[in-house]
N, C-alpha and C. Protein backbone atom coordinates (compact mmCIF):
# COMPACT_ATOMS: atom_id res chain seq x y z
N MET A 1 -46.63 -90.35 -80.28
CA MET A 1 -45.84 -89.96 -81.06
C MET A 1 -44.89 -90.90 -81.83
N LYS A 2 -44.55 -90.72 -83.05
CA LYS A 2 -44.03 -91.75 -83.46
C LYS A 2 -42.88 -91.56 -84.77
N ILE A 3 -41.66 -91.43 -84.78
CA ILE A 3 -40.55 -90.83 -85.64
C ILE A 3 -40.21 -92.00 -86.62
N GLY A 4 -40.39 -91.68 -87.54
CA GLY A 4 -39.47 -92.58 -88.73
C GLY A 4 -38.30 -92.16 -89.09
N VAL A 5 -37.26 -92.74 -89.35
CA VAL A 5 -35.57 -92.64 -89.78
C VAL A 5 -35.60 -93.51 -90.85
N LEU A 6 -35.02 -92.79 -92.02
CA LEU A 6 -34.88 -93.54 -93.27
C LEU A 6 -33.84 -94.56 -93.35
N ALA A 7 -34.33 -95.42 -93.39
CA ALA A 7 -33.14 -96.44 -92.93
C ALA A 7 -32.43 -96.91 -94.10
N ILE A 8 -31.99 -96.53 -94.94
CA ILE A 8 -31.79 -97.55 -96.62
C ILE A 8 -30.44 -97.02 -96.83
N GLN A 9 -29.84 -95.81 -96.14
CA GLN A 9 -28.17 -96.14 -95.74
C GLN A 9 -27.60 -95.13 -95.05
N GLY A 10 -26.76 -94.93 -94.35
CA GLY A 10 -26.20 -94.31 -93.41
C GLY A 10 -26.28 -94.25 -91.96
N ASP A 11 -26.23 -93.52 -91.39
CA ASP A 11 -26.23 -93.99 -89.73
C ASP A 11 -27.61 -93.55 -89.25
N PHE A 12 -28.50 -94.22 -89.90
CA PHE A 12 -30.17 -94.33 -89.18
C PHE A 12 -29.92 -94.92 -87.60
N ALA A 13 -29.13 -95.78 -87.46
CA ALA A 13 -29.29 -96.84 -86.22
C ALA A 13 -29.02 -95.66 -84.81
N GLU A 14 -27.93 -95.10 -85.13
CA GLU A 14 -27.79 -93.88 -84.47
C GLU A 14 -28.89 -93.00 -83.69
N HIS A 15 -29.54 -92.09 -84.97
CA HIS A 15 -31.14 -91.52 -84.70
C HIS A 15 -31.85 -92.42 -83.74
N ILE A 16 -31.57 -93.46 -84.27
CA ILE A 16 -33.11 -94.58 -83.73
C ILE A 16 -32.38 -94.79 -82.08
N ALA A 17 -31.40 -95.20 -81.70
CA ALA A 17 -30.80 -94.86 -80.33
C ALA A 17 -31.07 -93.72 -79.59
N ILE A 18 -31.00 -92.78 -80.10
CA ILE A 18 -30.95 -91.36 -79.42
C ILE A 18 -32.54 -91.30 -78.91
N LEU A 19 -33.25 -91.60 -79.95
CA LEU A 19 -35.32 -91.08 -80.09
C LEU A 19 -35.42 -92.13 -78.62
N ARG A 20 -35.10 -93.37 -78.94
CA ARG A 20 -35.61 -94.53 -77.89
C ARG A 20 -35.30 -94.20 -76.57
N GLY A 21 -33.75 -93.43 -76.55
CA GLY A 21 -33.74 -93.45 -75.11
C GLY A 21 -34.63 -91.81 -74.93
N LEU A 22 -34.75 -91.63 -75.69
CA LEU A 22 -35.81 -90.59 -74.74
C LEU A 22 -37.01 -90.77 -75.32
N GLY A 23 -37.61 -92.09 -75.19
CA GLY A 23 -38.73 -92.89 -74.93
C GLY A 23 -40.03 -92.61 -76.59
N ILE A 24 -38.98 -91.87 -77.03
CA ILE A 24 -39.95 -91.91 -78.61
C ILE A 24 -40.09 -93.28 -79.46
N GLU A 25 -40.99 -93.54 -79.69
CA GLU A 25 -41.52 -94.84 -80.84
C GLU A 25 -40.79 -94.31 -81.85
N THR A 26 -40.09 -95.26 -82.67
CA THR A 26 -39.35 -95.18 -84.05
C THR A 26 -39.90 -96.29 -84.74
N GLN A 27 -39.72 -95.99 -86.01
CA GLN A 27 -39.81 -96.93 -87.39
C GLN A 27 -38.95 -96.87 -88.12
N GLU A 28 -38.39 -97.93 -88.63
CA GLU A 28 -37.25 -97.73 -89.70
C GLU A 28 -38.35 -97.84 -90.93
N VAL A 29 -37.84 -96.86 -91.66
CA VAL A 29 -38.52 -96.49 -93.41
C VAL A 29 -37.09 -97.31 -94.26
N ARG A 30 -38.11 -98.01 -95.15
CA ARG A 30 -37.48 -98.37 -96.05
C ARG A 30 -38.55 -98.29 -97.57
N LEU A 31 -39.61 -98.69 -97.34
CA LEU A 31 -40.88 -98.86 -98.48
C LEU A 31 -41.86 -97.94 -97.94
N PRO A 32 -42.51 -97.50 -98.78
CA PRO A 32 -43.53 -96.40 -98.89
C PRO A 32 -44.49 -96.53 -97.83
N HIS A 33 -44.80 -97.84 -97.55
CA HIS A 33 -45.91 -98.01 -96.94
C HIS A 33 -45.71 -97.71 -95.40
N GLN A 34 -44.25 -97.94 -95.33
CA GLN A 34 -43.83 -97.65 -93.82
C GLN A 34 -43.97 -96.12 -93.10
N PHE A 35 -44.24 -95.27 -94.14
CA PHE A 35 -44.81 -93.68 -93.67
C PHE A 35 -46.21 -93.51 -92.95
N ARG A 36 -46.78 -94.54 -93.10
CA ARG A 36 -48.24 -94.39 -92.39
C ARG A 36 -48.36 -94.25 -90.92
N GLY A 37 -48.50 -93.07 -90.37
CA GLY A 37 -48.63 -93.06 -88.94
C GLY A 37 -47.41 -92.43 -88.12
N LEU A 38 -46.46 -91.96 -89.38
CA LEU A 38 -45.44 -91.23 -88.81
C LEU A 38 -45.82 -89.70 -88.44
N ASP A 39 -45.20 -89.24 -87.14
CA ASP A 39 -45.19 -87.68 -87.28
C ASP A 39 -44.30 -87.08 -87.18
N GLY A 40 -42.94 -87.37 -88.14
CA GLY A 40 -41.77 -86.85 -88.92
C GLY A 40 -41.20 -87.79 -89.49
N LEU A 41 -39.94 -87.82 -89.85
CA LEU A 41 -39.11 -88.26 -90.28
C LEU A 41 -37.75 -87.91 -90.35
N ILE A 42 -36.41 -88.76 -90.16
CA ILE A 42 -35.02 -87.86 -90.03
C ILE A 42 -34.65 -89.12 -91.45
N ILE A 43 -34.04 -87.60 -91.99
CA ILE A 43 -33.44 -88.60 -93.09
C ILE A 43 -31.51 -88.48 -92.85
N PRO A 44 -30.97 -89.53 -92.65
CA PRO A 44 -29.31 -89.33 -91.78
C PRO A 44 -28.82 -88.98 -92.81
N GLY A 45 -27.06 -88.90 -92.24
CA GLY A 45 -25.92 -88.63 -92.89
C GLY A 45 -25.86 -89.96 -93.56
N GLY A 46 -24.97 -89.89 -94.90
CA GLY A 46 -24.31 -91.21 -95.54
C GLY A 46 -23.84 -90.59 -96.50
N GLU A 47 -24.15 -90.80 -97.70
CA GLU A 47 -23.73 -90.50 -98.92
C GLU A 47 -24.97 -90.57 -99.95
N SER A 48 -25.12 -89.18 -100.01
CA SER A 48 -26.00 -88.13 -100.78
C SER A 48 -26.58 -89.28 -102.46
N THR A 49 -25.54 -89.08 -102.76
CA THR A 49 -25.16 -89.93 -104.32
C THR A 49 -26.10 -91.12 -104.16
N THR A 50 -25.70 -92.27 -103.07
CA THR A 50 -26.16 -93.33 -103.00
C THR A 50 -27.96 -92.99 -102.60
N LEU A 51 -27.97 -92.64 -101.53
CA LEU A 51 -29.08 -91.81 -100.64
C LEU A 51 -30.09 -91.99 -101.72
N SER A 52 -29.67 -90.63 -102.76
CA SER A 52 -30.56 -90.19 -103.59
C SER A 52 -31.40 -91.34 -104.88
N ARG A 53 -29.96 -92.36 -105.14
CA ARG A 53 -30.34 -93.35 -106.21
C ARG A 53 -31.42 -94.33 -105.05
N LEU A 54 -30.83 -94.85 -103.81
CA LEU A 54 -31.60 -95.75 -103.48
C LEU A 54 -33.27 -95.11 -102.89
N MET A 55 -33.32 -94.13 -102.94
CA MET A 55 -34.79 -93.36 -102.71
C MET A 55 -35.75 -93.34 -104.20
N THR A 56 -34.92 -93.31 -105.34
CA THR A 56 -35.55 -93.25 -106.31
C THR A 56 -35.95 -95.07 -106.67
N ILE A 57 -35.05 -96.28 -106.45
CA ILE A 57 -35.53 -97.28 -106.62
C ILE A 57 -36.55 -97.99 -105.73
N TYR A 58 -36.64 -97.32 -104.42
CA TYR A 58 -37.45 -97.55 -103.39
C TYR A 58 -38.79 -96.99 -103.47
N GLU A 59 -38.82 -95.96 -104.37
CA GLU A 59 -40.08 -95.09 -104.21
C GLU A 59 -40.76 -94.39 -103.17
N LEU A 60 -39.35 -93.63 -102.80
CA LEU A 60 -39.49 -92.94 -101.48
C LEU A 60 -39.57 -91.02 -101.65
N ARG A 61 -39.22 -91.07 -103.30
CA ARG A 61 -39.53 -89.56 -102.72
C ARG A 61 -40.40 -89.04 -103.05
N GLU A 62 -41.55 -89.39 -103.54
CA GLU A 62 -43.07 -88.67 -103.22
C GLU A 62 -43.41 -89.28 -101.89
N PRO A 63 -43.09 -89.89 -101.41
CA PRO A 63 -44.16 -90.06 -99.97
C PRO A 63 -43.54 -89.25 -98.72
N ILE A 64 -41.71 -88.85 -99.22
CA ILE A 64 -41.22 -87.48 -98.29
C ILE A 64 -41.62 -86.35 -98.71
N GLN A 65 -41.61 -86.31 -99.71
CA GLN A 65 -42.49 -84.79 -100.68
C GLN A 65 -43.73 -84.27 -100.01
N ASN A 66 -44.78 -85.41 -100.06
CA ASN A 66 -45.96 -85.57 -99.27
C ASN A 66 -45.85 -85.37 -98.13
N MET A 67 -45.20 -85.77 -97.66
CA MET A 67 -45.19 -85.81 -96.07
C MET A 67 -44.81 -84.36 -95.89
N ALA A 68 -43.58 -83.89 -96.82
CA ALA A 68 -43.39 -82.23 -96.53
C ALA A 68 -44.69 -81.65 -96.53
N SER A 69 -44.94 -81.64 -97.73
CA SER A 69 -46.71 -80.89 -98.05
C SER A 69 -47.51 -80.64 -96.99
N GLY A 70 -47.65 -81.96 -96.65
CA GLY A 70 -48.81 -81.93 -95.42
C GLY A 70 -48.05 -81.30 -94.53
N GLY A 71 -47.04 -81.06 -94.05
CA GLY A 71 -47.08 -80.30 -92.78
C GLY A 71 -46.17 -80.94 -91.79
N LYS A 72 -45.81 -82.63 -92.19
CA LYS A 72 -45.29 -82.96 -91.35
C LYS A 72 -43.71 -82.78 -91.04
N ALA A 73 -42.82 -82.87 -89.88
CA ALA A 73 -41.79 -82.12 -89.36
C ALA A 73 -40.84 -83.26 -90.25
N ILE A 74 -39.58 -82.75 -90.80
CA ILE A 74 -38.94 -83.71 -91.26
C ILE A 74 -37.64 -83.10 -91.08
N TRP A 75 -36.77 -83.80 -90.96
CA TRP A 75 -34.95 -83.65 -90.31
C TRP A 75 -33.91 -83.92 -91.07
N GLY A 76 -33.17 -83.25 -91.75
CA GLY A 76 -31.94 -83.93 -92.71
C GLY A 76 -31.07 -83.51 -92.09
N THR A 77 -30.14 -84.15 -91.87
CA THR A 77 -28.50 -84.41 -91.09
C THR A 77 -27.28 -84.70 -92.29
N CYS A 78 -26.47 -84.03 -92.34
CA CYS A 78 -25.37 -84.18 -93.06
C CYS A 78 -26.19 -84.48 -94.73
N ALA A 79 -25.85 -85.50 -95.45
CA ALA A 79 -26.52 -85.74 -96.67
C ALA A 79 -27.32 -85.41 -96.79
N GLY A 80 -28.46 -85.94 -95.51
CA GLY A 80 -29.95 -86.06 -95.43
C GLY A 80 -30.49 -84.02 -95.77
N MET A 81 -29.64 -83.17 -95.26
CA MET A 81 -29.51 -81.71 -95.63
C MET A 81 -29.49 -81.90 -97.01
N ILE A 82 -28.51 -82.10 -97.51
CA ILE A 82 -28.35 -82.15 -99.54
C ILE A 82 -29.08 -82.32 -100.05
N MET A 83 -30.22 -83.28 -99.37
CA MET A 83 -31.51 -84.25 -99.93
C MET A 83 -33.15 -83.04 -99.45
N MET A 84 -32.67 -82.63 -98.74
CA MET A 84 -33.75 -81.50 -98.26
C MET A 84 -33.67 -79.89 -99.47
N ALA A 85 -32.68 -79.74 -99.89
CA ALA A 85 -32.19 -78.79 -100.68
C ALA A 85 -33.16 -78.30 -101.91
N SER A 86 -33.41 -77.13 -102.44
CA SER A 86 -33.89 -76.87 -103.44
C SER A 86 -33.22 -76.63 -104.41
N GLU A 87 -32.20 -76.57 -103.87
CA GLU A 87 -30.99 -76.66 -105.12
C GLU A 87 -29.35 -77.06 -104.76
N ILE A 88 -28.49 -77.73 -105.22
CA ILE A 88 -27.23 -77.83 -104.90
C ILE A 88 -26.63 -77.42 -106.16
N THR A 89 -24.86 -77.59 -105.77
CA THR A 89 -24.19 -76.77 -107.10
C THR A 89 -23.51 -77.83 -107.78
N GLU A 90 -24.14 -79.24 -107.77
CA GLU A 90 -23.58 -80.43 -108.35
C GLU A 90 -24.97 -80.65 -109.35
N LYS A 91 -24.70 -81.54 -110.60
CA LYS A 91 -25.91 -82.00 -110.87
C LYS A 91 -26.77 -83.25 -110.33
N ASP A 92 -25.83 -84.29 -109.60
CA ASP A 92 -25.71 -85.13 -108.83
C ASP A 92 -25.74 -84.95 -107.40
N PRO A 93 -26.37 -85.72 -106.84
CA PRO A 93 -27.85 -85.96 -106.58
C PRO A 93 -28.54 -85.02 -106.78
N VAL A 94 -30.15 -85.49 -107.35
CA VAL A 94 -30.86 -84.47 -107.29
C VAL A 94 -32.17 -84.60 -106.21
N PRO A 95 -31.76 -83.41 -105.77
CA PRO A 95 -32.38 -83.09 -104.14
C PRO A 95 -33.97 -83.08 -104.10
N LEU A 96 -34.56 -83.30 -103.18
CA LEU A 96 -35.92 -83.37 -102.73
C LEU A 96 -36.87 -82.10 -102.92
N GLY A 97 -35.77 -81.03 -103.04
CA GLY A 97 -36.31 -79.57 -102.83
C GLY A 97 -37.82 -79.24 -102.06
N LEU A 98 -37.04 -79.48 -100.60
CA LEU A 98 -38.41 -79.42 -99.52
C LEU A 98 -38.03 -78.23 -99.01
N MET A 99 -36.51 -77.52 -98.75
CA MET A 99 -36.01 -76.56 -98.49
C MET A 99 -35.59 -75.25 -99.59
N ASP A 100 -35.66 -73.76 -99.07
CA ASP A 100 -35.68 -72.77 -99.57
C ASP A 100 -33.86 -72.71 -99.32
N ILE A 101 -33.23 -73.93 -99.84
CA ILE A 101 -31.61 -73.49 -99.20
C ILE A 101 -30.86 -74.14 -100.52
N THR A 102 -29.53 -73.57 -100.59
CA THR A 102 -28.57 -74.01 -101.85
C THR A 102 -27.41 -74.87 -100.80
N VAL A 103 -27.26 -76.08 -101.43
CA VAL A 103 -25.98 -76.46 -100.96
C VAL A 103 -25.22 -76.76 -101.25
N ILE A 104 -23.93 -76.73 -100.65
CA ILE A 104 -22.56 -77.74 -101.27
C ILE A 104 -22.15 -78.42 -100.95
N ARG A 105 -21.57 -79.97 -101.36
CA ARG A 105 -21.55 -81.30 -101.15
C ARG A 105 -19.90 -81.02 -100.57
N ASN A 106 -19.63 -81.65 -99.47
CA ASN A 106 -18.44 -81.76 -99.12
C ASN A 106 -17.66 -80.39 -99.31
N ALA A 107 -17.91 -79.50 -98.47
CA ALA A 107 -17.67 -77.93 -98.47
C ALA A 107 -16.14 -77.52 -98.02
N PHE A 108 -16.19 -78.79 -97.47
CA PHE A 108 -14.94 -78.61 -96.38
C PHE A 108 -13.95 -79.58 -96.66
N GLY A 109 -13.91 -80.77 -97.59
CA GLY A 109 -12.68 -81.28 -98.28
C GLY A 109 -13.32 -82.62 -97.80
N ARG A 110 -12.19 -83.54 -97.90
CA ARG A 110 -12.30 -84.96 -97.88
C ARG A 110 -12.20 -85.28 -96.54
N GLN A 111 -12.72 -87.31 -96.46
CA GLN A 111 -12.75 -87.47 -95.06
C GLN A 111 -12.00 -86.85 -93.93
N VAL A 112 -10.68 -87.08 -94.49
CA VAL A 112 -9.62 -86.24 -93.16
C VAL A 112 -9.49 -84.81 -93.11
N ASP A 113 -10.78 -84.23 -93.50
CA ASP A 113 -10.34 -82.61 -93.16
C ASP A 113 -12.17 -82.22 -92.09
N SER A 114 -12.33 -83.67 -91.67
CA SER A 114 -13.38 -83.59 -90.65
C SER A 114 -13.37 -83.12 -89.44
N PHE A 115 -14.14 -82.14 -89.22
CA PHE A 115 -13.96 -81.44 -87.63
C PHE A 115 -15.13 -81.42 -86.92
N GLU A 116 -14.54 -80.74 -85.70
CA GLU A 116 -15.88 -80.81 -84.88
C GLU A 116 -15.53 -79.22 -83.98
N GLN A 117 -16.81 -78.52 -83.57
CA GLN A 117 -16.75 -77.40 -83.46
C GLN A 117 -17.93 -77.16 -82.06
N ASP A 118 -17.84 -76.68 -81.35
CA ASP A 118 -19.12 -75.88 -80.77
C ASP A 118 -19.66 -74.61 -81.10
N LEU A 119 -21.11 -74.70 -80.88
CA LEU A 119 -21.61 -73.75 -81.93
C LEU A 119 -23.01 -73.42 -80.98
N THR A 120 -23.15 -72.15 -80.95
CA THR A 120 -24.37 -71.47 -80.57
C THR A 120 -25.89 -71.52 -81.58
N ILE A 121 -26.42 -72.53 -80.77
CA ILE A 121 -27.77 -73.04 -81.63
C ILE A 121 -28.91 -72.37 -81.10
N LYS A 122 -30.12 -71.03 -82.16
CA LYS A 122 -30.90 -70.66 -81.50
C LYS A 122 -31.96 -71.87 -80.80
N SER A 123 -32.63 -71.07 -79.83
CA SER A 123 -33.44 -71.52 -78.99
C SER A 123 -33.09 -72.92 -78.51
N LEU A 124 -31.66 -73.25 -77.95
CA LEU A 124 -31.54 -73.92 -77.03
C LEU A 124 -30.65 -73.37 -76.12
N ASP A 125 -30.82 -74.09 -75.29
CA ASP A 125 -29.86 -73.55 -73.73
C ASP A 125 -28.64 -72.73 -74.27
N PRO A 126 -28.11 -71.80 -73.23
CA PRO A 126 -26.98 -71.03 -73.90
C PRO A 126 -25.56 -72.05 -74.11
N VAL A 127 -25.91 -73.37 -73.31
CA VAL A 127 -24.65 -74.31 -73.47
C VAL A 127 -23.89 -74.43 -75.01
N PRO A 128 -22.96 -74.18 -75.34
CA PRO A 128 -22.55 -74.60 -76.65
C PRO A 128 -23.06 -76.37 -77.03
N TYR A 129 -23.07 -76.46 -78.51
CA TYR A 129 -23.47 -77.99 -79.05
C TYR A 129 -22.24 -78.04 -79.54
N HIS A 130 -21.90 -78.94 -78.79
CA HIS A 130 -20.56 -79.80 -80.04
C HIS A 130 -21.22 -80.64 -81.16
N ALA A 131 -20.51 -79.77 -82.36
CA ALA A 131 -21.16 -80.19 -83.51
C ALA A 131 -19.78 -81.31 -84.13
N ILE A 132 -20.40 -82.41 -84.95
CA ILE A 132 -19.92 -83.16 -85.45
C ILE A 132 -19.33 -83.33 -86.84
N PHE A 133 -18.60 -82.29 -87.89
CA PHE A 133 -18.82 -82.39 -88.74
C PHE A 133 -17.84 -83.56 -89.93
N ILE A 134 -18.49 -84.73 -91.13
CA ILE A 134 -17.90 -85.29 -91.63
C ILE A 134 -18.20 -84.92 -92.57
N ARG A 135 -17.04 -84.65 -93.45
CA ARG A 135 -17.50 -84.59 -95.31
C ARG A 135 -18.70 -83.78 -95.12
N ALA A 136 -18.88 -83.04 -94.28
CA ALA A 136 -19.94 -81.96 -94.61
C ALA A 136 -20.03 -80.83 -95.50
N PRO A 137 -21.53 -80.82 -95.68
CA PRO A 137 -22.12 -80.00 -96.62
C PRO A 137 -21.93 -78.77 -96.25
N ILE A 138 -21.91 -77.82 -96.49
CA ILE A 138 -22.29 -76.00 -96.02
C ILE A 138 -23.58 -75.59 -96.96
N ILE A 139 -24.32 -74.63 -96.21
CA ILE A 139 -25.48 -73.92 -97.15
C ILE A 139 -24.89 -72.61 -97.70
N SER A 140 -25.03 -72.55 -98.65
CA SER A 140 -24.34 -71.29 -99.60
C SER A 140 -25.48 -70.24 -99.74
N ARG A 141 -26.91 -70.60 -99.42
CA ARG A 141 -27.77 -69.75 -99.53
C ARG A 141 -28.99 -69.70 -98.74
N VAL A 142 -29.29 -69.18 -98.03
CA VAL A 142 -30.44 -69.39 -97.27
C VAL A 142 -31.73 -68.18 -97.57
N GLY A 143 -33.12 -69.15 -98.53
CA GLY A 143 -34.38 -68.47 -98.65
C GLY A 143 -34.64 -67.54 -97.58
N SER A 144 -35.89 -66.58 -97.84
CA SER A 144 -36.25 -65.84 -97.19
C SER A 144 -37.20 -66.12 -96.17
N ASP A 145 -37.61 -67.24 -96.30
CA ASP A 145 -38.78 -68.13 -95.35
C ASP A 145 -37.59 -68.88 -94.44
N VAL A 146 -36.49 -69.04 -94.84
CA VAL A 146 -35.20 -69.50 -93.92
C VAL A 146 -35.00 -69.31 -92.64
N GLN A 147 -34.68 -69.42 -91.64
CA GLN A 147 -34.48 -69.18 -89.91
C GLN A 147 -33.07 -69.78 -90.39
N THR A 148 -32.16 -69.10 -90.22
CA THR A 148 -30.58 -69.51 -89.57
C THR A 148 -30.66 -69.80 -88.11
N LEU A 149 -30.49 -71.25 -88.04
CA LEU A 149 -30.33 -71.37 -86.27
C LEU A 149 -28.65 -71.19 -85.77
N ALA A 150 -27.83 -71.87 -86.68
CA ALA A 150 -26.50 -71.86 -85.97
C ALA A 150 -25.43 -71.67 -87.55
N ALA A 151 -24.30 -70.95 -87.24
CA ALA A 151 -23.39 -70.85 -88.19
C ALA A 151 -22.06 -70.68 -88.02
N LEU A 152 -20.81 -70.74 -88.75
CA LEU A 152 -19.78 -70.89 -88.23
C LEU A 152 -19.25 -69.72 -88.47
N SER A 153 -18.46 -69.13 -87.69
CA SER A 153 -17.54 -67.98 -87.59
C SER A 153 -17.59 -66.93 -88.50
N ASP A 154 -17.60 -68.09 -89.87
CA ASP A 154 -17.36 -67.26 -90.76
C ASP A 154 -18.62 -66.45 -91.48
N GLY A 155 -19.79 -67.02 -90.58
CA GLY A 155 -21.22 -66.81 -91.00
C GLY A 155 -22.12 -67.42 -91.80
N ARG A 156 -21.28 -68.59 -92.39
CA ARG A 156 -22.20 -69.80 -92.91
C ARG A 156 -22.90 -70.73 -92.53
N ALA A 157 -24.05 -70.37 -92.79
CA ALA A 157 -25.23 -71.48 -91.94
C ALA A 157 -24.41 -72.84 -92.25
N VAL A 158 -24.67 -73.62 -90.92
CA VAL A 158 -25.25 -74.90 -90.96
C VAL A 158 -25.87 -75.57 -90.10
N ALA A 159 -27.01 -74.70 -89.62
CA ALA A 159 -28.15 -75.65 -89.08
C ALA A 159 -29.49 -74.20 -89.13
N VAL A 160 -30.78 -74.65 -90.02
CA VAL A 160 -31.73 -73.88 -90.32
C VAL A 160 -32.95 -74.66 -90.08
N GLN A 161 -33.70 -73.73 -90.30
CA GLN A 161 -35.26 -74.23 -89.74
C GLN A 161 -36.34 -73.13 -90.72
N GLN A 162 -37.08 -74.36 -91.59
CA GLN A 162 -38.22 -73.40 -92.51
C GLN A 162 -39.44 -74.05 -92.08
N ASN A 163 -40.07 -73.30 -91.37
CA ASN A 163 -41.63 -73.90 -91.03
C ASN A 163 -41.18 -75.04 -89.96
N HIS A 164 -41.64 -76.35 -90.46
CA HIS A 164 -41.85 -77.84 -89.96
C HIS A 164 -40.43 -78.67 -90.51
N LEU A 165 -39.42 -77.94 -91.09
CA LEU A 165 -38.44 -78.56 -91.49
C LEU A 165 -37.15 -78.01 -91.39
N LEU A 166 -36.16 -79.03 -90.74
CA LEU A 166 -34.96 -78.73 -90.30
C LEU A 166 -34.05 -79.17 -91.02
N ALA A 167 -32.99 -79.22 -91.21
CA ALA A 167 -31.91 -78.74 -91.61
C ALA A 167 -30.14 -78.74 -91.02
N THR A 168 -29.62 -79.93 -90.61
CA THR A 168 -28.08 -79.64 -90.11
C THR A 168 -27.12 -80.27 -91.09
N SER A 169 -25.99 -79.41 -91.07
CA SER A 169 -24.76 -80.27 -91.88
C SER A 169 -23.59 -80.74 -91.26
N PHE A 170 -24.15 -80.66 -89.73
CA PHE A 170 -23.26 -81.84 -88.89
C PHE A 170 -24.40 -82.92 -88.35
N HIS A 171 -23.82 -83.55 -87.62
CA HIS A 171 -24.23 -85.05 -87.36
C HIS A 171 -24.79 -85.05 -85.60
N PRO A 172 -25.56 -85.12 -85.49
CA PRO A 172 -25.87 -84.69 -83.90
C PRO A 172 -26.25 -86.09 -83.44
N GLU A 173 -26.77 -86.60 -84.24
CA GLU A 173 -26.84 -88.88 -83.68
C GLU A 173 -25.42 -89.12 -83.15
N LEU A 174 -24.14 -88.52 -83.54
CA LEU A 174 -23.03 -89.01 -83.53
C LEU A 174 -22.86 -88.34 -81.77
N THR A 175 -23.16 -87.48 -81.26
CA THR A 175 -22.78 -86.87 -79.82
C THR A 175 -24.04 -87.62 -78.80
N LYS A 176 -23.75 -87.32 -77.77
CA LYS A 176 -24.62 -87.78 -76.39
C LYS A 176 -25.39 -86.63 -75.99
N ASP A 177 -25.54 -85.50 -76.66
CA ASP A 177 -26.53 -84.28 -76.67
C ASP A 177 -27.56 -84.60 -77.25
N PRO A 178 -28.92 -84.93 -76.61
CA PRO A 178 -29.95 -85.12 -77.69
C PRO A 178 -30.80 -83.55 -77.93
N ARG A 179 -30.31 -82.61 -77.71
CA ARG A 179 -31.39 -81.38 -77.65
C ARG A 179 -31.60 -81.63 -78.81
N LEU A 180 -31.31 -81.42 -79.82
CA LEU A 180 -31.85 -81.05 -81.15
C LEU A 180 -32.71 -82.13 -81.37
N HIS A 181 -32.41 -83.27 -81.13
CA HIS A 181 -33.33 -84.45 -81.18
C HIS A 181 -34.79 -84.36 -80.43
N CYS A 182 -34.70 -83.65 -79.00
CA CYS A 182 -35.74 -82.88 -78.61
C CYS A 182 -36.57 -81.74 -79.24
N ARG A 183 -35.59 -81.08 -79.77
CA ARG A 183 -36.21 -80.03 -80.82
C ARG A 183 -37.20 -80.38 -81.59
N PHE A 184 -36.29 -81.37 -82.18
CA PHE A 184 -37.29 -82.17 -83.56
C PHE A 184 -38.69 -82.85 -83.19
N VAL A 185 -38.53 -83.51 -81.95
CA VAL A 185 -39.60 -84.46 -81.42
C VAL A 185 -40.80 -83.13 -81.11
N ASN A 186 -40.42 -82.26 -80.63
CA ASN A 186 -41.46 -81.05 -80.18
C ASN A 186 -41.57 -80.37 -81.41
N MET A 187 -41.33 -80.48 -82.60
CA MET A 187 -41.56 -79.84 -84.02
C MET A 187 -42.85 -80.69 -84.59
N ALA A 188 -42.42 -82.12 -84.18
CA ALA A 188 -43.08 -83.09 -84.69
C ALA A 188 -44.48 -83.24 -84.03
N GLY A 189 -44.94 -82.54 -82.96
CA GLY A 189 -45.77 -82.85 -82.09
C GLY A 189 -46.68 -81.48 -82.30
N ASP A 190 -46.00 -80.66 -82.54
CA ASP A 190 -46.19 -79.45 -83.64
C ASP A 190 -46.92 -79.23 -84.45
N SER A 191 -46.55 -80.19 -85.43
CA SER A 191 -47.11 -80.24 -86.49
C SER A 191 -48.02 -81.10 -87.06
N SER A 192 -48.19 -82.10 -85.95
CA SER A 192 -49.25 -83.40 -85.63
C SER A 192 -50.55 -82.73 -85.47
């Protein structure tokens, strides 16, 4: 099992640390040839416009899209979720179009409006998951093939899955709770 983490911008090191703590082999991905041999890919949080531009500059869009169409597991967190969407409410950045969701960037406001909240996440044990939202996006539309795994009290989705694709609007890599990383590793094993 080998999981790649897109390492061009954002909090990729935190994802790698959690995966290595679980005993998972990891690969920092910055160039197209680094996708070879991966069982899954994490697109981390960061700044979505910068992430989008760097994906284009380093020719990473097509390998990610090929990975998704080939049935490999991909997980986007925060800005990574924005990039996985089929549609966002602004013109920029240009998403990858992997998941049938519409996303609103910075849905809760500026950095000072960041917050933490306990969530019930389907298929995780009943212990609440402490989620950290930093300039977080929100999912405004969930396609018919997309399963909502967690939502805020007002019903807005913050964690979704579409087959082998996972997206969260919060930052699991900033917690000490590895349950979502374990779930993704299992998804990657199933899709290999």
